[in-house]
N, C-alpha and C. Protein backbone atom coordinates (compact mmCIF):
# COMPACT_ATOMS: atom_id res chain seq x y z
N MET A 1 20.30 -20.27 7.90
CA MET A 1 20.69 -19.27 6.93
C MET A 1 20.62 -17.89 7.58
N ALA A 2 21.66 -17.11 7.47
CA ALA A 2 21.69 -15.77 8.03
C ALA A 2 20.90 -14.82 7.15
N SER A 3 20.24 -13.85 7.78
CA SER A 3 19.49 -12.88 6.99
C SER A 3 20.45 -11.80 6.49
N ALA A 4 20.17 -11.33 5.30
CA ALA A 4 21.01 -10.32 4.68
C ALA A 4 20.41 -8.94 4.89
N THR A 5 21.23 -7.98 5.17
CA THR A 5 20.79 -6.60 5.28
C THR A 5 21.23 -5.89 4.00
N PRO A 6 20.30 -5.19 3.36
CA PRO A 6 20.69 -4.51 2.11
C PRO A 6 21.82 -3.52 2.36
N SER A 7 22.77 -3.48 1.47
CA SER A 7 23.86 -2.53 1.59
C SER A 7 23.48 -1.19 0.97
N GLU A 8 22.43 -1.19 0.17
CA GLU A 8 21.90 0.01 -0.45
C GLU A 8 20.42 0.09 -0.11
N PRO A 9 19.84 1.30 -0.04
CA PRO A 9 18.42 1.42 0.25
C PRO A 9 17.53 0.71 -0.78
N ARG A 10 18.03 0.62 -2.00
CA ARG A 10 17.25 -0.01 -3.06
C ARG A 10 18.21 -0.57 -4.09
N SER A 11 17.92 -1.79 -4.54
CA SER A 11 18.65 -2.31 -5.69
C SER A 11 17.62 -2.68 -6.73
N GLY A 12 17.83 -2.24 -7.93
CA GLY A 12 16.90 -2.50 -9.02
C GLY A 12 15.93 -1.35 -9.22
N ALA A 13 15.53 -1.18 -10.48
CA ALA A 13 14.54 -0.15 -10.83
C ALA A 13 13.14 -0.69 -10.57
N ILE A 14 12.16 0.18 -10.58
CA ILE A 14 10.79 -0.12 -10.20
C ILE A 14 10.16 -1.31 -10.94
N GLY A 15 10.57 -1.57 -12.17
CA GLY A 15 9.99 -2.67 -12.93
C GLY A 15 10.95 -3.81 -13.22
N ASP A 16 12.12 -3.80 -12.57
CA ASP A 16 13.09 -4.87 -12.81
C ASP A 16 12.56 -6.23 -12.35
N ALA A 17 13.16 -7.27 -12.86
CA ALA A 17 12.76 -8.64 -12.52
C ALA A 17 13.09 -9.00 -11.07
N PHE A 18 14.08 -8.33 -10.48
CA PHE A 18 14.44 -8.56 -9.08
C PHE A 18 14.74 -7.22 -8.44
N ILE A 19 14.06 -6.94 -7.34
CA ILE A 19 14.21 -5.66 -6.64
C ILE A 19 14.38 -5.95 -5.16
N SER A 20 15.28 -5.25 -4.52
CA SER A 20 15.47 -5.35 -3.08
C SER A 20 15.29 -3.96 -2.49
N ILE A 21 14.50 -3.86 -1.41
CA ILE A 21 14.18 -2.55 -0.83
C ILE A 21 14.38 -2.59 0.68
N ASP A 22 15.01 -1.56 1.21
CA ASP A 22 15.18 -1.39 2.64
C ASP A 22 13.96 -0.62 3.16
N VAL A 23 13.00 -1.35 3.73
CA VAL A 23 11.73 -0.75 4.15
C VAL A 23 11.93 0.33 5.21
N PRO A 24 12.72 0.13 6.28
CA PRO A 24 12.92 1.21 7.25
C PRO A 24 13.48 2.49 6.61
N PHE A 25 14.39 2.35 5.65
CA PHE A 25 14.91 3.52 4.94
C PHE A 25 13.80 4.25 4.20
N GLU A 26 12.96 3.49 3.49
CA GLU A 26 11.85 4.10 2.74
C GLU A 26 10.87 4.80 3.67
N LEU A 27 10.57 4.19 4.81
CA LEU A 27 9.67 4.83 5.78
C LEU A 27 10.25 6.13 6.31
N ALA A 28 11.53 6.13 6.66
CA ALA A 28 12.17 7.35 7.15
C ALA A 28 12.12 8.45 6.09
N ARG A 29 12.36 8.07 4.84
CA ARG A 29 12.32 9.04 3.75
C ARG A 29 10.92 9.62 3.58
N LEU A 30 9.89 8.76 3.64
CA LEU A 30 8.52 9.24 3.52
C LEU A 30 8.14 10.16 4.67
N GLN A 31 8.53 9.78 5.89
CA GLN A 31 8.18 10.59 7.06
C GLN A 31 8.90 11.94 7.07
N ALA A 32 9.99 12.06 6.36
CA ALA A 32 10.71 13.32 6.25
C ALA A 32 10.19 14.17 5.08
N SER A 33 9.28 13.64 4.29
CA SER A 33 8.81 14.34 3.09
C SER A 33 7.86 15.49 3.44
N ASP A 34 7.80 16.46 2.53
CA ASP A 34 6.87 17.59 2.69
C ASP A 34 5.43 17.11 2.74
N ALA A 35 5.08 16.14 1.92
CA ALA A 35 3.69 15.63 1.88
C ALA A 35 3.28 15.08 3.24
N TYR A 36 4.16 14.32 3.87
CA TYR A 36 3.85 13.75 5.18
C TYR A 36 3.68 14.86 6.22
N GLN A 37 4.56 15.84 6.17
CA GLN A 37 4.51 16.94 7.14
C GLN A 37 3.26 17.80 6.97
N THR A 38 2.85 18.06 5.73
CA THR A 38 1.72 18.97 5.50
C THR A 38 0.37 18.26 5.39
N GLU A 39 0.33 17.08 4.77
CA GLU A 39 -0.93 16.37 4.55
C GLU A 39 -1.17 15.25 5.54
N GLY A 40 -0.14 14.85 6.25
CA GLY A 40 -0.28 13.79 7.24
C GLY A 40 -0.13 12.39 6.69
N HIS A 41 0.17 12.27 5.42
CA HIS A 41 0.41 10.95 4.83
C HIS A 41 1.26 11.09 3.58
N ALA A 42 1.97 10.02 3.27
CA ALA A 42 2.79 9.99 2.07
C ALA A 42 2.97 8.54 1.65
N GLY A 43 3.17 8.34 0.36
CA GLY A 43 3.35 7.00 -0.15
C GLY A 43 4.30 6.97 -1.32
N ARG A 44 4.76 5.78 -1.63
CA ARG A 44 5.69 5.61 -2.75
C ARG A 44 5.50 4.22 -3.34
N THR A 45 5.43 4.15 -4.65
CA THR A 45 5.36 2.86 -5.33
C THR A 45 6.73 2.21 -5.26
N LEU A 46 6.76 0.99 -4.74
CA LEU A 46 8.02 0.26 -4.60
C LEU A 46 8.32 -0.59 -5.82
N THR A 47 7.28 -1.17 -6.40
CA THR A 47 7.46 -1.97 -7.61
C THR A 47 6.22 -1.85 -8.47
N LYS A 48 6.45 -1.96 -9.77
CA LYS A 48 5.37 -1.74 -10.73
C LYS A 48 5.55 -2.69 -11.90
N TYR A 49 4.66 -3.67 -11.95
CA TYR A 49 4.63 -4.63 -13.04
C TYR A 49 3.27 -4.48 -13.74
N PRO A 50 3.10 -5.04 -14.93
CA PRO A 50 1.81 -4.88 -15.62
C PRO A 50 0.60 -5.35 -14.82
N GLU A 51 0.76 -6.37 -13.97
CA GLU A 51 -0.38 -6.90 -13.24
C GLU A 51 -0.25 -6.77 -11.72
N LEU A 52 0.75 -6.01 -11.25
CA LEU A 52 0.98 -5.92 -9.81
C LEU A 52 1.68 -4.62 -9.45
N ARG A 53 1.19 -3.98 -8.39
CA ARG A 53 1.85 -2.80 -7.82
C ARG A 53 2.00 -3.04 -6.33
N VAL A 54 3.12 -2.56 -5.76
CA VAL A 54 3.29 -2.56 -4.31
C VAL A 54 3.66 -1.14 -3.91
N VAL A 55 2.91 -0.62 -2.95
CA VAL A 55 3.07 0.76 -2.50
C VAL A 55 3.30 0.73 -0.99
N ILE A 56 4.20 1.59 -0.51
CA ILE A 56 4.38 1.76 0.92
C ILE A 56 3.76 3.10 1.29
N GLU A 57 2.98 3.11 2.36
CA GLU A 57 2.30 4.33 2.82
C GLU A 57 2.61 4.53 4.29
N THR A 58 2.69 5.79 4.69
CA THR A 58 2.82 6.13 6.10
C THR A 58 1.81 7.24 6.40
N VAL A 59 1.14 7.13 7.55
CA VAL A 59 0.03 8.02 7.88
C VAL A 59 0.12 8.44 9.34
N LYS A 60 -0.07 9.74 9.60
CA LYS A 60 -0.05 10.26 10.97
C LYS A 60 -1.35 9.91 11.69
N THR A 61 -1.26 9.86 13.02
CA THR A 61 -2.42 9.60 13.86
C THR A 61 -3.57 10.55 13.53
N GLY A 62 -4.77 10.01 13.41
CA GLY A 62 -5.97 10.81 13.19
C GLY A 62 -6.28 11.13 11.74
N VAL A 63 -5.36 10.88 10.84
CA VAL A 63 -5.60 11.18 9.43
C VAL A 63 -6.50 10.10 8.83
N ARG A 64 -7.48 10.55 8.03
CA ARG A 64 -8.38 9.63 7.33
C ARG A 64 -8.15 9.78 5.83
N LEU A 65 -8.09 8.66 5.16
CA LEU A 65 -8.04 8.65 3.70
C LEU A 65 -9.47 8.33 3.29
N PRO A 66 -10.22 9.33 2.78
CA PRO A 66 -11.67 9.23 2.60
C PRO A 66 -12.12 8.04 1.75
N PHE A 67 -13.42 7.74 1.86
CA PHE A 67 -13.99 6.62 1.12
C PHE A 67 -13.59 6.68 -0.35
N HIS A 68 -13.14 5.54 -0.83
CA HIS A 68 -12.72 5.41 -2.23
C HIS A 68 -12.81 3.93 -2.59
N GLU A 69 -12.69 3.64 -3.85
CA GLU A 69 -12.65 2.25 -4.28
C GLU A 69 -11.53 2.09 -5.29
N THR A 70 -11.07 0.87 -5.41
CA THR A 70 -10.07 0.57 -6.42
C THR A 70 -10.67 -0.44 -7.38
N ALA A 71 -10.26 -0.36 -8.60
CA ALA A 71 -10.73 -1.32 -9.61
C ALA A 71 -9.98 -2.64 -9.47
N GLU A 72 -8.95 -2.65 -8.63
CA GLU A 72 -8.10 -3.83 -8.47
C GLU A 72 -8.38 -4.52 -7.14
N GLN A 73 -8.10 -5.82 -7.09
CA GLN A 73 -8.07 -6.51 -5.81
C GLN A 73 -6.84 -5.99 -5.07
N MET A 74 -6.94 -5.94 -3.74
CA MET A 74 -5.82 -5.39 -2.99
C MET A 74 -5.63 -6.10 -1.67
N THR A 75 -4.42 -6.02 -1.16
CA THR A 75 -4.13 -6.43 0.20
C THR A 75 -3.46 -5.27 0.89
N LEU A 76 -3.61 -5.24 2.20
CA LEU A 76 -3.02 -4.20 3.01
C LEU A 76 -2.42 -4.89 4.24
N GLN A 77 -1.13 -4.65 4.48
CA GLN A 77 -0.47 -5.23 5.64
C GLN A 77 0.16 -4.11 6.46
N VAL A 78 -0.25 -4.01 7.72
CA VAL A 78 0.28 -2.99 8.61
C VAL A 78 1.66 -3.43 9.09
N ILE A 79 2.64 -2.53 8.93
CA ILE A 79 4.00 -2.85 9.37
C ILE A 79 4.42 -2.04 10.59
N LEU A 80 3.70 -0.95 10.87
CA LEU A 80 3.93 -0.13 12.07
C LEU A 80 2.61 0.48 12.50
N GLY A 81 2.39 0.58 13.79
CA GLY A 81 1.25 1.32 14.31
C GLY A 81 -0.08 0.61 14.22
N GLN A 82 -1.15 1.42 14.12
CA GLN A 82 -2.51 0.88 14.11
C GLN A 82 -3.37 1.64 13.12
N LEU A 83 -4.18 0.90 12.37
CA LEU A 83 -5.00 1.44 11.29
C LEU A 83 -6.39 0.83 11.37
N ARG A 84 -7.41 1.62 11.08
CA ARG A 84 -8.78 1.10 10.98
C ARG A 84 -9.20 1.15 9.52
N VAL A 85 -9.76 0.05 9.05
CA VAL A 85 -10.31 -0.03 7.70
C VAL A 85 -11.84 -0.02 7.84
N TRP A 86 -12.47 0.99 7.28
CA TRP A 86 -13.92 1.13 7.27
C TRP A 86 -14.43 0.70 5.89
N MET A 87 -15.42 -0.15 5.87
CA MET A 87 -16.06 -0.54 4.62
C MET A 87 -17.37 0.22 4.49
N ARG A 88 -17.76 0.58 3.29
CA ARG A 88 -18.95 1.39 3.05
C ARG A 88 -20.19 0.79 3.70
N HIS A 89 -20.31 -0.53 3.76
CA HIS A 89 -21.53 -1.16 4.27
C HIS A 89 -21.45 -1.47 5.76
N GLY A 90 -20.59 -0.78 6.49
CA GLY A 90 -20.60 -0.86 7.94
C GLY A 90 -19.56 -1.73 8.60
N GLU A 91 -18.91 -2.63 7.86
CA GLU A 91 -17.88 -3.44 8.49
C GLU A 91 -16.65 -2.56 8.75
N ASN A 92 -15.93 -2.89 9.81
CA ASN A 92 -14.63 -2.25 9.99
C ASN A 92 -13.71 -3.21 10.72
N ARG A 93 -12.43 -3.00 10.56
CA ARG A 93 -11.42 -3.82 11.21
C ARG A 93 -10.31 -2.91 11.71
N ASP A 94 -9.90 -3.14 12.95
CA ASP A 94 -8.73 -2.48 13.48
C ASP A 94 -7.54 -3.38 13.25
N LEU A 95 -6.52 -2.83 12.65
CA LEU A 95 -5.33 -3.61 12.30
C LEU A 95 -4.13 -3.07 13.07
N THR A 96 -3.34 -3.98 13.61
CA THR A 96 -2.11 -3.61 14.30
C THR A 96 -0.94 -4.19 13.51
N GLU A 97 0.26 -3.90 13.97
CA GLU A 97 1.46 -4.39 13.30
C GLU A 97 1.35 -5.88 13.01
N GLY A 98 1.61 -6.23 11.77
CA GLY A 98 1.55 -7.62 11.36
C GLY A 98 0.19 -8.06 10.85
N SER A 99 -0.85 -7.24 11.03
CA SER A 99 -2.18 -7.60 10.54
C SER A 99 -2.29 -7.39 9.04
N PHE A 100 -3.22 -8.12 8.46
CA PHE A 100 -3.36 -8.17 7.00
C PHE A 100 -4.84 -8.25 6.65
N VAL A 101 -5.27 -7.53 5.63
CA VAL A 101 -6.62 -7.67 5.08
C VAL A 101 -6.52 -7.75 3.57
N ALA A 102 -7.52 -8.39 2.98
CA ALA A 102 -7.67 -8.43 1.52
C ALA A 102 -9.03 -7.81 1.21
N ILE A 103 -9.07 -6.98 0.18
CA ILE A 103 -10.30 -6.30 -0.22
C ILE A 103 -10.50 -6.54 -1.71
N ASP A 104 -11.67 -7.02 -2.05
CA ASP A 104 -11.97 -7.32 -3.44
C ASP A 104 -12.12 -6.04 -4.26
N ALA A 105 -11.96 -6.14 -5.55
CA ALA A 105 -12.10 -5.00 -6.46
C ALA A 105 -13.48 -4.37 -6.31
N GLY A 106 -13.51 -3.06 -6.37
CA GLY A 106 -14.77 -2.34 -6.35
C GLY A 106 -15.40 -2.14 -4.99
N ARG A 107 -14.77 -2.61 -3.92
CA ARG A 107 -15.32 -2.42 -2.56
C ARG A 107 -14.90 -1.05 -2.04
N VAL A 108 -15.88 -0.23 -1.71
CA VAL A 108 -15.63 1.12 -1.22
C VAL A 108 -15.14 1.02 0.23
N HIS A 109 -14.04 1.72 0.53
CA HIS A 109 -13.45 1.66 1.86
C HIS A 109 -12.79 2.99 2.22
N GLU A 110 -12.54 3.15 3.50
CA GLU A 110 -11.86 4.33 4.03
C GLU A 110 -10.81 3.83 5.02
N LEU A 111 -9.72 4.55 5.14
CA LEU A 111 -8.66 4.21 6.08
C LEU A 111 -8.52 5.32 7.10
N GLU A 112 -8.36 4.94 8.37
CA GLU A 112 -8.17 5.90 9.44
C GLU A 112 -6.98 5.44 10.28
N SER A 113 -6.03 6.33 10.48
CA SER A 113 -4.86 6.00 11.28
C SER A 113 -5.18 6.23 12.75
N LEU A 114 -5.18 5.16 13.54
CA LEU A 114 -5.46 5.25 14.98
C LEU A 114 -4.22 5.65 15.76
N GLN A 115 -3.06 5.40 15.20
CA GLN A 115 -1.78 5.89 15.70
C GLN A 115 -0.84 5.92 14.50
N ASP A 116 0.22 6.70 14.59
CA ASP A 116 1.15 6.77 13.46
C ASP A 116 1.36 5.36 12.93
N CYS A 117 1.19 5.20 11.62
CA CYS A 117 1.28 3.85 11.08
C CYS A 117 1.93 3.86 9.70
N ALA A 118 2.27 2.67 9.28
CA ALA A 118 2.80 2.43 7.94
C ALA A 118 2.26 1.10 7.47
N PHE A 119 2.01 1.00 6.17
CA PHE A 119 1.49 -0.25 5.63
C PHE A 119 1.96 -0.46 4.20
N LEU A 120 1.96 -1.73 3.82
CA LEU A 120 2.24 -2.10 2.44
C LEU A 120 0.92 -2.39 1.77
N LEU A 121 0.71 -1.79 0.63
CA LEU A 121 -0.50 -1.95 -0.16
C LEU A 121 -0.11 -2.67 -1.45
N THR A 122 -0.76 -3.79 -1.72
CA THR A 122 -0.50 -4.54 -2.94
C THR A 122 -1.74 -4.51 -3.79
N LEU A 123 -1.61 -4.09 -5.03
CA LEU A 123 -2.74 -3.99 -5.97
C LEU A 123 -2.50 -4.96 -7.12
N ALA A 124 -3.48 -5.80 -7.38
CA ALA A 124 -3.37 -6.81 -8.44
C ALA A 124 -4.31 -6.46 -9.57
N TRP A 125 -3.77 -6.09 -10.71
CA TRP A 125 -4.57 -5.80 -11.89
C TRP A 125 -4.96 -7.11 -12.55
N PRO A 126 -6.09 -7.13 -13.26
CA PRO A 126 -6.40 -8.34 -14.04
C PRO A 126 -5.36 -8.51 -15.15
N PRO A 127 -5.22 -9.72 -15.67
CA PRO A 127 -4.26 -9.94 -16.76
C PRO A 127 -4.50 -8.97 -17.91
N VAL A 128 -3.42 -8.60 -18.58
CA VAL A 128 -3.49 -7.64 -19.68
C VAL A 128 -4.53 -8.06 -20.71
N GLU A 129 -4.60 -9.34 -21.03
CA GLU A 129 -5.56 -9.81 -22.05
C GLU A 129 -6.99 -9.51 -21.61
N ARG A 130 -7.30 -9.72 -20.33
CA ARG A 130 -8.65 -9.47 -19.84
C ARG A 130 -8.96 -7.97 -19.83
N ARG A 131 -7.98 -7.15 -19.42
CA ARG A 131 -8.19 -5.70 -19.43
C ARG A 131 -8.48 -5.22 -20.84
N THR A 132 -7.75 -5.77 -21.82
CA THR A 132 -7.93 -5.38 -23.21
C THR A 132 -9.33 -5.76 -23.69
N ARG A 133 -9.76 -6.98 -23.38
CA ARG A 133 -11.11 -7.43 -23.78
C ARG A 133 -12.18 -6.57 -23.14
N GLU A 134 -12.07 -6.34 -21.83
CA GLU A 134 -13.08 -5.58 -21.12
C GLU A 134 -13.12 -4.13 -21.61
N GLY A 135 -11.95 -3.57 -21.90
CA GLY A 135 -11.89 -2.21 -22.42
C GLY A 135 -12.50 -2.08 -23.80
N ALA A 136 -12.49 -3.19 -24.56
CA ALA A 136 -13.03 -3.18 -25.92
C ALA A 136 -14.53 -3.47 -25.92
N GLY A 137 -15.09 -3.72 -24.71
CA GLY A 137 -16.52 -3.97 -24.63
C GLY A 137 -16.92 -5.39 -24.91
N SER A 138 -15.98 -6.32 -24.87
CA SER A 138 -16.30 -7.74 -25.13
C SER A 138 -16.88 -8.39 -23.91
């Protein structure tokens, strides 16, 4: 089967049932953005469903995204360059193109770009029913 190249940078809206995205196009757009030029990093949500988000990020060499935590489980896959993931309790991993990590909800972490890099970040929210119960104090 031959691989298809998108004829458009994006087909479908952010929450559509089927979305096609030209990742190199999105990276070029992010790297040309004011945020990337001034802050050294930029990102864009590629898809947004009630229980899932996918974000593309690009980060300049030496930039650190300070310690933070997410309430969601997440995966991070490096698609360009090299990135270090620091965990609050001392673990760290150097990731190169094609590398992947999964981080459980509530784990405090920091990201450091060891060379210009880009990565896909996937965030998985708990099911809507569980979020509703937990929010109600059940």
